[in-house]
Amino acid sequence: MQPLFLTSDELAELTGFKAAHCQVRWLTRNRWRFALNRRKAPRVARDHFNERMGCGGAAGMRHADLTNQAAAGEQPNFAALAKR
């Protein structure tokens, strides 16, 4: 069974940073959910990682499906921009 949270090495690989404050900044800017531990190091749930990366089966495809649905959603009403 895999650990509940990503390891320090996995977080460094995901964010490209080893320092915790840089990882927090990257996670925040990229809208990842995380919690801080007592040492102010970010903790990312493995399930959230799998959802975001689209590798968690039906449940893991939720984020990718929502993103694709939003992209294929309604088109803007360009007629409303036309001068009258």
Protein backbone atom coordinates (compact mmCIF):
# COMPACT_ATOMS: atom_id res chain seq x y z
CA MET A 1 0.00 0.00 0.00
CA GLN A 2 1.32 3.42 -0.95
CA PRO A 3 1.69 6.20 1.64
CA LEU A 4 -1.17 8.68 2.05
CA PHE A 5 1.00 11.68 1.08
CA LEU A 6 3.63 12.25 -1.60
CA THR A 7 7.18 11.82 -0.35
CA SER A 8 9.65 14.71 -0.20
CA ASP A 9 11.37 13.40 -3.32
CA GLU A 10 8.06 13.12 -5.19
CA LEU A 11 7.13 16.69 -4.22
CA ALA A 12 10.53 17.90 -5.41
CA GLU A 13 10.04 16.09 -8.72
CA LEU A 14 6.52 17.50 -9.13
CA THR A 15 7.39 21.09 -8.32
CA GLY A 16 11.02 21.24 -9.42
CA PHE A 17 11.99 22.71 -6.03
CA LYS A 18 13.54 21.19 -2.91
CA ALA A 19 12.89 24.10 -0.54
CA ALA A 20 9.50 23.88 1.16
CA HIS A 21 8.62 27.56 0.68
CA CYS A 22 9.28 27.26 -3.06
CA GLN A 23 7.15 24.12 -3.23
CA VAL A 24 4.32 25.96 -1.45
CA ARG A 25 4.57 28.83 -3.93
CA TRP A 26 4.48 26.43 -6.91
CA LEU A 27 1.56 24.44 -5.51
CA THR A 28 -0.40 27.63 -4.82
CA ARG A 29 0.23 29.11 -8.26
CA ASN A 30 -0.78 25.85 -9.94
CA ARG A 31 -3.89 25.47 -7.76
CA TRP A 32 -2.95 22.21 -6.08
CA ARG A 33 -4.60 21.34 -2.75
CA PHE A 34 -2.13 20.83 0.07
CA ALA A 35 -1.73 21.15 3.82
CA LEU A 36 1.27 22.36 5.78
CA ASN A 37 2.80 20.20 8.47
CA ARG A 38 4.32 21.52 11.69
CA ARG A 39 7.57 22.38 9.88
CA LYS A 40 5.64 24.36 7.23
CA ALA A 41 6.39 21.71 4.60
CA PRO A 42 3.59 21.03 2.11
CA ARG A 43 1.77 17.70 2.16
CA VAL A 44 -0.09 16.63 -0.99
CA ALA A 45 -2.47 13.67 -0.80
CA ARG A 46 -1.57 10.90 -3.20
CA ASP A 47 -5.24 10.64 -4.28
CA HIS A 48 -5.22 14.34 -5.24
CA PHE A 49 -2.00 13.82 -7.21
CA ASN A 50 -3.57 10.86 -9.05
CA GLU A 51 -6.71 12.89 -9.84
CA ARG A 52 -4.71 15.85 -11.17
CA MET A 53 -2.44 13.63 -13.24
CA GLY A 54 -5.37 11.59 -14.61
CA CYS A 55 -4.06 8.23 -13.44
CA GLY A 56 -6.56 7.15 -10.83
CA GLY A 57 -9.12 5.22 -12.86
CA ALA A 58 -12.68 6.54 -13.04
CA ALA A 59 -12.29 8.70 -9.93
CA GLY A 60 -8.92 9.98 -11.13
CA MET A 61 -10.36 11.15 -14.42
CA ARG A 62 -12.64 13.61 -12.64
CA HIS A 63 -10.28 16.60 -12.94
CA ALA A 64 -9.37 15.85 -16.57
CA ASP A 65 -13.02 15.34 -17.49
CA LEU A 66 -14.06 18.61 -15.85
CA THR A 67 -11.28 20.47 -17.63
CA ASN A 68 -12.24 18.99 -20.99
CA GLN A 69 -15.92 19.70 -20.42
CA ALA A 70 -15.16 23.30 -19.56
CA ALA A 71 -13.04 23.69 -22.69
CA ALA A 72 -15.78 22.18 -24.87
CA GLY A 73 -18.53 24.16 -23.13
CA GLU A 74 -20.45 27.15 -24.32
CA GLN A 75 -18.83 29.57 -26.70
CA PRO A 76 -18.81 33.28 -25.91
CA ASN A 77 -21.56 35.40 -27.40
CA PHE A 78 -19.50 37.47 -29.86
CA ALA A 79 -22.67 39.08 -31.20
CA ALA A 80 -22.94 40.94 -27.90
CA LEU A 81 -19.66 42.69 -28.74
CA ALA A 82 -20.89 44.02 -32.06
CA LYS A 83 -21.64 47.73 -32.18
CA ARG A 84 -25.25 48.71 -32.55
